[in-house]
């Protein structure tokens, strides 16, 4: 696994962590130089202008030397001159570093916008010619697709589940290609172009398609595409909303979290999918922190576990998923009211749910922290501090498209640089353990934005006289249950 440094920025990662740290350090150097310069200048003013003139005979100087500055005065004057020059250079260097960061930001923003625009236009053109292509390919598509659908539809439920369960094995076999950052970038653009293909298919003018899409009115975009996929694969039943049952473990006394890694370590990774910590303190209302785990079941058939692929598709479609319902019921059972200060932490599907809960307007949200979440299209209010961890070789966040509406602090890192991609697990760059390591790097960063966000997170939970943690296990009820 790579030890490459993280980069920190806005929705478009353009300025490195090192640049920001350098600018901050130069700012601190400026303050120090100003202080030293002020002290030195004041000392220079307190020294008599002709300190050697008062008693020149004591040192035996010549008559001309009696009117020249003493060596101490010359040293002070030189120090003031050198400090002034150093201060000006530090100011110019800091300004240059900040301008460089802004220049990189503008360049990358322009490049990504152009790439997205080209992708959208290509998608629209593809949709425009799709009927013509389909005329020639229709017999083949109907033959192969119909045969495949028939085979899958005729399979017993157990064998159909086994077929879907084999998908992770395929992903492991092709992990090198799926973990390539170029594949991730392509998928991100492809996701954002699905609605443009539909617009071209419907013969909508490009300007109208853009106005209706993700960056316009938002009437057609990732959510509508996900809803269509849900119907096509037979997950549409879950769009009606699934009922769940909830079981709570015994509350445990814990300590408050200390940083990003500590919070990442508290995200559930076992059977229970939700953890809720309650912070108690005399004279203050109870505060809460909700931790939401990632997908458990990768089957496309709805099963007992609400954290499955059908809930993923429902969530991407903007529909109430069974997993979202489970989190809401867990919050209700924990005593979280609309006015209760609450922070959401989530990984993968849990991060998408956390963003949706923060964006719902139903809660008094104090912070949001997501890891590997496909949540780029969730419109979280900009006044909510949001730190989002992404691996540039992780395919899952790319399924959320590009960041067009929200402005989180993005912490990005390429996990496998110059090292073999493991094949023991599917999507190795998406593993929670890997994100916990990236969270440790975020804790060690001197970037002021990360420090400020962590300070706001800490304000929620501390100081607390008692912290109580409860885990919740959710199960999907049968139809009509």
Protein backbone atom coordinates (compact mmCIF):
# COMPACT_ATOMS: atom_id res chain seq x y z
CA UNK A 1 0.00 0.00 0.00
CA UNK A 2 1.31 3.42 -0.93
CA UNK A 3 2.58 5.99 1.55
CA UNK A 4 1.71 8.80 -0.85
CA UNK A 5 0.63 11.98 0.99
CA UNK A 6 -2.95 13.12 1.10
CA UNK A 7 -4.20 16.21 -0.70
CA UNK A 8 -6.74 18.52 0.85
CA UNK A 9 -9.02 20.94 -0.94
CA UNK A 10 -12.53 21.74 -2.06
CA UNK A 11 -14.70 19.78 -4.48
CA UNK A 12 -11.88 20.10 -7.06
CA UNK A 13 -8.57 18.97 -5.58
CA UNK A 14 -6.04 21.38 -7.02
CA UNK A 15 -3.81 22.65 -4.23
CA UNK A 16 -1.72 20.18 -2.29
CA UNK A 17 -1.57 19.84 1.44
CA UNK A 18 2.07 20.94 1.29
CA UNK A 19 1.21 24.19 -0.49
CA UNK A 20 -1.36 25.12 2.13
CA UNK A 21 0.99 24.22 4.95
CA UNK A 22 3.77 26.26 3.33
CA UNK A 23 1.51 29.30 3.01
CA UNK A 24 0.51 28.96 6.66
CA UNK A 25 4.11 28.64 7.77
CA UNK A 26 5.11 31.67 5.73
CA UNK A 27 2.29 33.62 7.37
CA UNK A 28 3.62 32.62 10.79
CA UNK A 29 7.11 33.64 9.70
CA UNK A 30 5.77 37.04 8.68
CA UNK A 31 4.27 37.55 12.14
CA UNK A 32 7.54 36.55 13.80
CA UNK A 33 9.57 38.85 11.57
CA UNK A 34 7.22 41.76 12.25
CA UNK A 35 7.60 41.21 15.99
CA UNK A 36 11.40 40.97 15.82
CA UNK A 37 11.56 43.97 13.50
CA UNK A 38 9.43 46.09 15.82
CA UNK A 39 11.60 45.16 18.81
CA UNK A 40 14.84 45.83 16.94
CA UNK A 41 13.62 49.17 15.58
CA UNK A 42 12.52 50.26 19.03
CA UNK A 43 15.90 49.30 20.45
CA UNK A 44 17.63 51.20 17.66
CA UNK A 45 15.65 54.34 18.55
CA UNK A 46 16.63 54.11 22.22
CA UNK A 47 20.39 54.13 21.46
CA UNK A 48 21.81 57.74 21.41
CA UNK A 49 22.43 59.03 17.93
CA UNK A 50 26.05 59.80 18.74
CA UNK A 51 26.86 57.41 21.51
CA UNK A 52 30.60 57.69 20.83
CA UNK A 53 30.59 61.55 20.84
CA UNK A 54 29.88 61.95 24.58
CA UNK A 55 33.37 60.91 25.71
CA UNK A 56 35.53 60.28 22.69
CA UNK A 57 38.73 60.69 24.69
CA UNK A 58 37.96 57.49 26.58
CA UNK A 59 38.54 55.47 23.47
CA UNK A 60 41.09 57.71 21.83
CA UNK A 61 39.35 58.12 18.46
CA UNK A 62 40.30 60.75 15.98
CA UNK A 63 38.21 63.89 15.62
CA UNK A 64 36.48 62.47 12.53
CA UNK A 65 35.70 59.18 14.28
CA UNK A 66 34.00 61.07 17.14
CA UNK A 67 31.15 61.98 14.79
CA UNK A 68 30.70 58.48 13.27
CA UNK A 69 28.11 55.96 14.60
CA UNK A 70 29.30 53.47 17.19
CA UNK A 71 29.65 49.83 16.09
CA UNK A 72 26.48 48.88 18.06
CA UNK A 73 24.43 51.47 16.18
CA UNK A 74 25.71 50.20 12.85
CA UNK A 75 24.77 46.63 13.81
CA UNK A 76 21.26 47.67 14.82
CA UNK A 77 20.79 49.60 11.60
CA UNK A 78 22.00 46.60 9.57
CA UNK A 79 19.64 44.31 11.50
CA UNK A 80 16.65 46.57 10.80
CA UNK A 81 17.56 46.68 7.10
CA UNK A 82 18.00 42.91 6.80
CA UNK A 83 14.82 42.15 8.77
CA UNK A 84 12.84 44.52 6.57
CA UNK A 85 14.17 42.81 3.44
CA UNK A 86 13.41 39.34 4.87
CA UNK A 87 9.87 40.42 5.75
CA UNK A 88 9.22 41.68 2.25
CA UNK A 89 10.56 38.47 0.74
CA UNK A 90 8.40 36.32 3.05
CA UNK A 91 5.34 38.38 2.07
CA UNK A 92 6.07 38.01 -1.63
CA UNK A 93 6.73 34.28 -1.28
CA UNK A 94 3.51 33.69 0.65
CA UNK A 95 1.53 35.65 -1.94
CA UNK A 96 3.19 33.66 -4.73
CA UNK A 97 2.33 30.33 -3.07
CA UNK A 98 -1.29 31.40 -2.60
CA UNK A 99 -1.50 32.63 -6.19
CA UNK A 100 -0.01 29.33 -7.39
CA UNK A 101 -2.66 27.38 -5.49
CA UNK A 102 -5.39 29.57 -6.97
CA UNK A 103 -3.88 29.15 -10.43
CA UNK A 104 -3.82 25.37 -10.07
CA UNK A 105 -7.42 25.50 -8.86
CA UNK A 106 -8.53 27.54 -11.86
CA UNK A 107 -6.64 25.29 -14.29
CA UNK A 108 -8.00 22.04 -12.89
CA UNK A 109 -11.50 23.47 -12.55
CA UNK A 110 -11.40 24.48 -16.23
CA UNK A 111 -10.00 21.11 -17.28
CA UNK A 112 -12.64 19.16 -15.37
CA UNK A 113 -15.44 21.37 -16.65
CA UNK A 114 -14.23 20.83 -20.21
CA UNK A 115 -13.99 17.08 -19.68
CA UNK A 116 -17.50 17.01 -18.24
CA UNK A 117 -18.83 19.15 -21.07
CA UNK A 118 -17.25 16.88 -23.69
CA UNK A 119 -18.59 13.83 -21.89
CA UNK A 120 -22.08 15.33 -21.81
CA UNK A 121 -21.99 16.21 -25.50
CA UNK A 122 -20.70 12.76 -26.42
CA UNK A 123 -23.45 11.18 -24.34
CA UNK A 124 -26.08 13.35 -26.03
CA UNK A 125 -24.73 12.47 -29.49
CA UNK A 126 -24.66 8.78 -28.60
CA UNK A 127 -28.27 8.94 -27.47
CA UNK A 128 -29.17 10.74 -30.68
CA UNK A 129 -27.82 7.96 -32.91
CA UNK A 130 -28.77 5.14 -30.55
CA UNK A 131 -32.06 4.31 -32.33
CA UNK A 132 -30.23 4.03 -35.65
CA UNK A 133 -27.62 1.75 -34.11
CA UNK A 134 -30.32 -0.22 -32.33
CA UNK A 135 -32.06 -1.04 -35.62
CA UNK A 136 -29.02 -3.04 -36.67
CA UNK A 137 -28.20 -4.44 -33.26
CA UNK A 138 -31.76 -5.03 -32.03
CA UNK A 139 -32.00 -8.69 -33.10
CA UNK A 140 -28.71 -9.48 -31.41
CA UNK A 141 -29.51 -7.44 -28.30
CA UNK A 142 -32.98 -8.93 -27.97
CA UNK A 143 -31.64 -12.41 -28.58
CA UNK A 144 -28.78 -12.27 -26.08
CA UNK A 145 -30.50 -9.96 -23.61
CA UNK A 146 -33.79 -11.82 -23.77
CA UNK A 147 -32.06 -15.16 -23.35
CA UNK A 148 -30.03 -13.84 -20.42
CA UNK A 149 -33.08 -12.29 -18.76
CA UNK A 150 -35.05 -15.47 -19.30
CA UNK A 151 -32.32 -17.62 -17.82
CA UNK A 152 -31.95 -15.37 -14.79
CA UNK A 153 -35.71 -15.09 -14.37
CA UNK A 154 -36.19 -18.87 -14.52
CA UNK A 155 -33.48 -19.57 -11.96
CA UNK A 156 -34.64 -20.49 -8.47
CA UNK A 157 -34.18 -17.70 -5.96
CA UNK A 158 -31.25 -19.45 -4.27
CA UNK A 159 -29.36 -19.92 -7.54
CA UNK A 160 -30.12 -16.35 -8.61
CA UNK A 161 -28.65 -15.12 -5.34
CA UNK A 162 -25.60 -17.30 -5.94
CA UNK A 163 -25.17 -15.74 -9.38
CA UNK A 164 -25.19 -12.24 -7.95
CA UNK A 165 -22.93 -13.36 -5.12
CA UNK A 166 -20.33 -14.35 -7.73
CA UNK A 167 -19.91 -10.74 -8.80
CA UNK A 168 -17.33 -9.95 -6.05
CA UNK A 169 -15.20 -12.81 -7.35
CA UNK A 170 -15.24 -11.26 -10.81
CA UNK A 171 -14.27 -7.91 -9.27
CA UNK A 172 -11.35 -9.53 -7.44
CA UNK A 173 -10.12 -11.11 -10.66
CA UNK A 174 -10.16 -7.72 -12.40
CA UNK A 175 -9.12 -5.64 -9.39
CA UNK A 176 -6.07 -4.14 -11.14
CA UNK A 177 -8.14 -2.58 -13.91
CA UNK A 178 -10.97 -1.55 -11.58
CA UNK A 179 -8.49 0.13 -9.20
CA UNK A 180 -6.83 2.23 -11.89
CA UNK A 181 -7.44 5.99 -11.28
CA UNK A 182 -8.12 6.39 -15.00
CA UNK A 183 -10.94 3.85 -14.74
CA UNK A 184 -12.31 5.71 -11.73
CA UNK A 185 -12.23 9.06 -13.58
CA UNK A 186 -13.89 7.49 -16.63
CA UNK A 187 -16.68 5.96 -14.54
CA UNK A 188 -17.27 9.30 -12.77
CA UNK A 189 -17.75 11.05 -16.11
CA UNK A 190 -19.80 8.17 -17.47
CA UNK A 191 -22.18 8.37 -14.51
CA UNK A 192 -22.67 12.08 -15.12
CA UNK A 193 -23.43 11.46 -18.82
CA UNK A 194 -26.20 8.89 -18.48
CA UNK A 195 -28.90 11.58 -18.41
CA UNK A 196 -27.35 13.19 -21.51
CA UNK A 197 -27.74 9.89 -23.39
CA UNK A 198 -31.41 9.91 -22.46
CA UNK A 199 -31.75 13.52 -23.59
CA UNK A 200 -30.23 12.67 -26.96
CA UNK A 201 -32.50 9.66 -27.26
CA UNK A 202 -35.52 11.95 -26.70
CA UNK A 203 -34.16 14.47 -29.24
CA UNK A 204 -33.98 17.24 -26.63
CA UNK A 205 -31.83 20.24 -27.65
CA UNK A 206 -28.43 20.22 -25.84
CA UNK A 207 -29.13 23.51 -24.04
CA UNK A 208 -32.47 22.21 -22.75
CA UNK A 209 -30.84 18.94 -21.67
CA UNK A 210 -28.21 20.90 -19.76
CA UNK A 211 -30.88 23.06 -18.11
CA UNK A 212 -32.78 19.96 -16.96
CA UNK A 213 -29.67 18.08 -15.83
CA UNK A 214 -27.49 17.97 -12.74
CA UNK A 215 -26.08 21.46 -13.12
CA UNK A 216 -29.41 23.06 -14.03
CA UNK A 217 -32.81 22.42 -12.51
CA UNK A 218 -31.77 18.93 -11.46
CA UNK A 219 -34.92 17.37 -12.95
CA UNK A 220 -32.84 14.79 -14.78
CA UNK A 221 -29.58 13.48 -13.47
CA UNK A 222 -27.95 10.78 -11.41
CA UNK A 223 -31.06 10.14 -9.31
CA UNK A 224 -33.34 9.64 -12.30
CA UNK A 225 -30.74 7.39 -13.93
CA UNK A 226 -30.45 5.31 -10.76
CA UNK A 227 -34.23 5.02 -10.57
CA UNK A 228 -34.30 3.72 -14.14
CA UNK A 229 -31.59 1.20 -13.32
CA UNK A 230 -33.57 0.10 -10.27
CA UNK A 231 -36.60 -0.65 -12.43
CA UNK A 232 -34.54 -2.44 -15.08
CA UNK A 233 -32.91 -4.81 -12.60
CA UNK A 234 -36.10 -5.47 -10.71
CA UNK A 235 -35.22 -3.46 -7.62
CA UNK A 236 -38.13 -1.14 -8.20
CA UNK A 237 -40.16 -2.85 -5.49
CA UNK A 238 -37.81 -1.45 -2.88
CA UNK A 239 -38.54 2.05 -4.16
CA UNK A 240 -41.92 1.76 -2.43
CA UNK A 241 -40.13 1.73 0.93
CA UNK A 242 -39.33 -1.32 3.04
CA UNK A 243 -40.29 -1.83 6.67
CA UNK A 244 -37.52 -2.84 9.06
CA UNK A 245 -37.22 -4.22 12.56
CA UNK A 246 -34.62 -2.90 15.00
CA UNK A 247 -32.70 -4.50 17.85
CA UNK A 248 -30.51 -2.47 20.23
CA UNK A 249 -27.54 -3.76 22.20
CA UNK A 250 -26.87 -2.77 25.79
CA UNK A 251 -25.43 0.75 26.06
CA UNK A 252 -21.71 0.93 26.83
CA UNK A 253 -19.72 3.70 28.51
CA UNK A 254 -17.01 5.01 26.16
CA UNK A 255 -14.78 8.05 25.83
CA UNK A 256 -15.27 10.90 23.36
CA UNK A 257 -13.44 10.55 20.00
CA UNK A 258 -10.12 12.34 19.61
CA UNK A 259 -9.79 12.84 15.86
CA UNK A 260 -10.50 11.63 12.34
CA UNK A 261 -8.95 8.19 12.78
CA UNK A 262 -10.80 7.64 16.05
CA UNK A 263 -14.09 8.45 14.37
CA UNK A 264 -13.30 6.16 11.44
CA UNK A 265 -12.55 3.35 13.91
CA UNK A 266 -16.04 3.72 15.42
CA UNK A 267 -17.91 3.16 12.15
CA UNK A 268 -19.56 -0.29 12.42
CA UNK A 269 -17.86 -3.08 10.53
CA UNK A 270 -19.75 -6.09 11.88
CA UNK A 271 -23.33 -7.31 12.00
CA UNK A 272 -24.71 -4.13 13.58
CA UNK A 273 -24.99 -1.36 11.01
CA UNK A 274 -25.56 1.71 13.20
CA UNK A 275 -23.83 3.06 16.28
CA UNK A 276 -25.09 6.10 18.18
CA UNK A 277 -23.04 7.84 20.88
CA UNK A 278 -24.79 10.14 23.34
CA UNK A 279 -22.80 12.94 25.00
CA UNK A 280 -24.12 14.04 28.39
CA UNK A 281 -23.09 17.14 30.31
CA UNK A 282 -24.63 19.14 33.12
CA UNK A 283 -26.38 22.26 31.93
CA UNK A 284 -26.33 21.28 28.25
CA UNK A 285 -28.77 19.32 26.11
CA UNK A 286 -27.67 15.82 25.11
CA UNK A 287 -25.63 15.71 21.91
CA UNK A 288 -25.38 12.73 19.58
CA UNK A 289 -23.02 11.26 17.01
CA UNK A 290 -24.35 8.71 14.52
CA UNK A 291 -21.97 6.22 12.88
CA UNK A 292 -23.29 4.31 9.82
CA UNK A 293 -21.60 1.28 8.25
CA UNK A 294 -21.21 0.27 4.61
CA UNK A 295 -22.87 -2.31 2.38
CA UNK A 296 -23.07 -5.86 3.75
CA UNK A 297 -24.99 -7.72 1.05
CA UNK A 298 -23.94 -7.21 -2.59
CA UNK A 299 -26.91 -9.09 -3.99
CA UNK A 300 -29.31 -7.31 -6.33
CA UNK A 301 -32.20 -9.18 -4.70
CA UNK A 302 -33.62 -7.63 -1.54
CA UNK A 303 -32.87 -9.84 1.46
CA UNK A 304 -32.95 -9.62 5.24
CA UNK A 305 -30.12 -7.11 5.51
CA UNK A 306 -31.23 -3.57 4.56
CA UNK A 307 -27.59 -2.67 3.79
CA UNK A 308 -27.68 -4.31 0.33
CA UNK A 309 -27.38 -3.22 -3.29
CA UNK A 310 -31.08 -2.49 -3.63
CA UNK A 311 -30.75 0.10 -0.85
CA UNK A 312 -27.68 1.49 -2.61
CA UNK A 313 -29.63 2.00 -5.82
CA UNK A 314 -32.62 3.43 -3.97
CA UNK A 315 -30.37 5.90 -2.15
CA UNK A 316 -28.66 6.99 -5.38
CA UNK A 317 -32.12 7.45 -6.89
CA UNK A 318 -33.05 9.76 -4.02
CA UNK A 319 -35.76 7.37 -2.82
CA UNK A 320 -36.31 6.26 0.81
CA UNK A 321 -34.15 3.16 1.15
CA UNK A 322 -34.61 0.45 3.74
CA UNK A 323 -31.23 1.33 5.23
CA UNK A 324 -32.18 5.00 5.57
CA UNK A 325 -35.40 4.00 7.30
CA UNK A 326 -33.38 1.84 9.71
CA UNK A 327 -31.05 4.73 10.61
CA UNK A 328 -34.01 7.04 11.21
CA UNK A 329 -35.65 4.48 13.48
CA UNK A 330 -32.38 3.98 15.37
CA UNK A 331 -32.10 7.74 15.87
CA UNK A 332 -35.67 7.88 17.11
CA UNK A 333 -34.99 5.00 19.52
CA UNK A 334 -31.87 6.81 20.80
CA UNK A 335 -33.95 9.86 21.69
CA UNK A 336 -32.66 12.19 18.95
CA UNK A 337 -35.12 15.04 18.43
CA UNK A 338 -35.14 17.62 15.61
CA UNK A 339 -33.49 20.14 17.95
CA UNK A 340 -30.81 17.74 19.25
CA UNK A 341 -27.28 18.62 18.09
CA UNK A 342 -26.12 15.65 16.00
CA UNK A 343 -23.15 14.71 13.84
CA UNK A 344 -23.15 12.04 11.13
CA UNK A 345 -20.22 9.75 10.26
CA UNK A 346 -20.53 7.16 7.50
CA UNK A 347 -18.57 4.84 5.23
CA UNK A 348 -19.59 3.83 1.69
CA UNK A 349 -23.39 3.40 1.65
CA UNK A 350 -23.37 4.69 5.22
CA UNK A 351 -21.64 7.87 4.03
CA UNK A 352 -24.32 8.38 1.38
CA UNK A 353 -27.01 7.95 4.03
CA UNK A 354 -25.17 10.33 6.38
CA UNK A 355 -25.07 13.00 3.66
CA UNK A 356 -28.76 12.53 2.88
CA UNK A 357 -29.69 12.86 6.56
CA UNK A 358 -27.56 15.99 6.87
CA UNK A 359 -29.21 17.45 3.77
CA UNK A 360 -32.77 16.57 4.80
CA UNK A 361 -33.26 19.61 7.02
CA UNK A 362 -34.92 17.39 9.64
CA UNK A 363 -32.06 17.54 12.13
CA UNK A 364 -29.82 20.05 13.90
CA UNK A 365 -26.63 18.94 12.14
CA UNK A 366 -23.31 19.96 13.70
CA UNK A 367 -21.01 18.11 11.29
CA UNK A 368 -20.62 15.48 8.57
CA UNK A 369 -17.74 13.05 8.02
CA UNK A 370 -17.81 10.55 5.14
CA UNK A 371 -15.35 7.93 3.89
CA UNK A 372 -15.52 6.43 0.38
CA UNK A 373 -19.12 7.59 -0.08
CA UNK A 374 -20.85 8.08 -3.48
CA UNK A 375 -22.38 11.31 -2.15
CA UNK A 376 -21.14 13.97 -4.58
CA UNK A 377 -24.65 14.79 -5.80
CA UNK A 378 -26.20 15.25 -2.35
CA UNK A 379 -26.94 18.93 -1.70
CA UNK A 380 -25.66 19.40 1.84
CA UNK A 381 -25.98 23.01 3.14
CA UNK A 382 -22.63 24.79 2.92
CA UNK A 383 -22.74 25.94 6.54
CA UNK A 384 -22.44 22.32 7.74
CA UNK A 385 -18.75 21.36 8.13
CA UNK A 386 -18.19 18.33 5.89
CA UNK A 387 -14.95 16.38 5.59
CA UNK A 388 -14.99 13.72 2.84
CA UNK A 389 -12.24 11.11 2.39
CA UNK A 390 -11.82 9.64 -1.10
CA UNK A 391 -9.23 7.36 -2.69
CA UNK A 392 -8.60 8.31 -6.29
CA UNK A 393 -8.33 4.61 -7.17
CA UNK A 394 -11.62 3.73 -5.42
CA UNK A 395 -14.48 3.15 -7.88
CA UNK A 396 -17.31 3.52 -5.34
CA UNK A 397 -17.15 7.32 -4.77
CA UNK A 398 -17.09 7.78 -8.55
CA UNK A 399 -20.57 6.23 -8.73
CA UNK A 400 -21.82 9.42 -7.08
CA UNK A 401 -20.67 11.54 -10.01
CA UNK A 402 -18.85 14.86 -9.77
CA UNK A 403 -19.07 17.51 -7.05
CA UNK A 404 -21.43 20.10 -8.50
CA UNK A 405 -23.62 21.21 -5.59
CA UNK A 406 -21.86 20.68 -2.25
CA UNK A 407 -18.52 22.02 -1.04
CA UNK A 408 -16.91 19.57 1.38
CA UNK A 409 -13.28 19.55 2.45
CA UNK A 410 -12.02 16.72 0.26
CA UNK A 411 -9.12 14.59 1.48
CA UNK A 412 -7.83 12.50 -1.41
CA UNK A 413 -5.10 9.91 -1.73
CA UNK A 414 -4.07 7.34 -4.33
CA UNK A 415 -3.68 4.12 -2.41
CA UNK A 416 -1.72 1.89 -4.79
CA UNK A 417 1.14 3.82 -6.38
CA UNK A 418 3.96 1.64 -7.69
CA UNK A 419 2.76 -1.40 -5.75
CA UNK A 420 0.69 -4.42 -6.87
CA UNK A 421 -3.06 -4.22 -6.37
CA UNK A 422 -4.20 -7.06 -4.07
CA UNK A 423 -6.73 -9.54 -5.41
CA UNK A 424 -7.81 -11.04 -2.09
CA UNK A 425 -10.77 -8.64 -1.84
CA UNK A 426 -13.00 -6.89 -4.35
CA UNK A 427 -12.26 -3.16 -4.70
CA UNK A 428 -9.24 -3.10 -2.35
CA UNK A 429 -9.01 0.71 -2.42
CA UNK A 430 -12.52 0.83 -0.95
CA UNK A 431 -11.79 -1.18 2.19
CA UNK A 432 -12.65 0.49 5.49
CA UNK A 433 -9.24 -0.37 6.97
CA UNK A 434 -7.57 1.58 4.15
CA UNK A 435 -9.77 4.60 4.83
CA UNK A 436 -8.89 4.41 8.52
CA UNK A 437 -5.23 4.72 7.54
CA UNK A 438 -6.06 7.75 5.41
CA UNK A 439 -7.93 9.20 8.39
CA UNK A 440 -4.71 8.85 10.41
CA UNK A 441 -2.91 10.93 7.77
CA UNK A 442 -5.66 13.53 8.03
CA UNK A 443 -5.02 13.73 11.78
CA UNK A 444 -1.35 14.41 11.07
CA UNK A 445 -2.06 17.13 8.51
CA UNK A 446 -1.36 20.77 9.34
CA UNK A 447 -3.90 22.01 6.81
CA UNK A 448 -5.90 24.77 8.56
CA UNK A 449 -9.19 23.66 7.02
CA UNK A 450 -8.91 20.18 8.49
CA UNK A 451 -7.90 21.64 11.84
CA UNK A 452 -10.85 24.03 11.87
CA UNK A 453 -13.35 21.32 10.88
CA UNK A 454 -12.04 18.96 13.56
CA UNK A 455 -12.36 21.76 16.08
CA UNK A 456 -16.03 22.16 15.19
CA UNK A 457 -16.54 18.40 15.46
CA UNK A 458 -14.88 18.42 18.87
CA UNK A 459 -17.12 21.26 20.06
CA UNK A 460 -20.09 18.95 19.67
CA UNK A 461 -18.82 16.19 21.94
CA UNK A 462 -16.59 17.92 24.47
CA UNK A 463 -16.28 18.38 27.23
CA UNK A 464 -18.74 15.64 28.17
CA UNK A 465 -19.12 14.17 31.64
CA UNK A 466 -20.42 10.89 30.21
CA UNK A 467 -20.50 9.20 26.79
CA UNK A 468 -22.90 6.33 26.18
CA UNK A 469 -22.69 4.18 23.03
CA UNK A 470 -25.41 1.91 21.61
CA UNK A 471 -25.28 -0.37 18.57
CA UNK A 472 -28.34 -1.19 16.47
CA UNK A 473 -29.03 -4.18 14.25
CA UNK A 474 -31.69 -3.75 11.55
CA UNK A 475 -33.52 -6.42 9.55
CA UNK A 476 -35.84 -6.01 6.60
CA UNK A 477 -39.34 -7.34 7.27
CA UNK A 478 -41.17 -9.52 4.70
CA UNK A 479 -43.66 -7.83 2.39
CA UNK A 480 -46.63 -6.71 4.42
CA UNK A 481 -44.65 -7.34 7.59
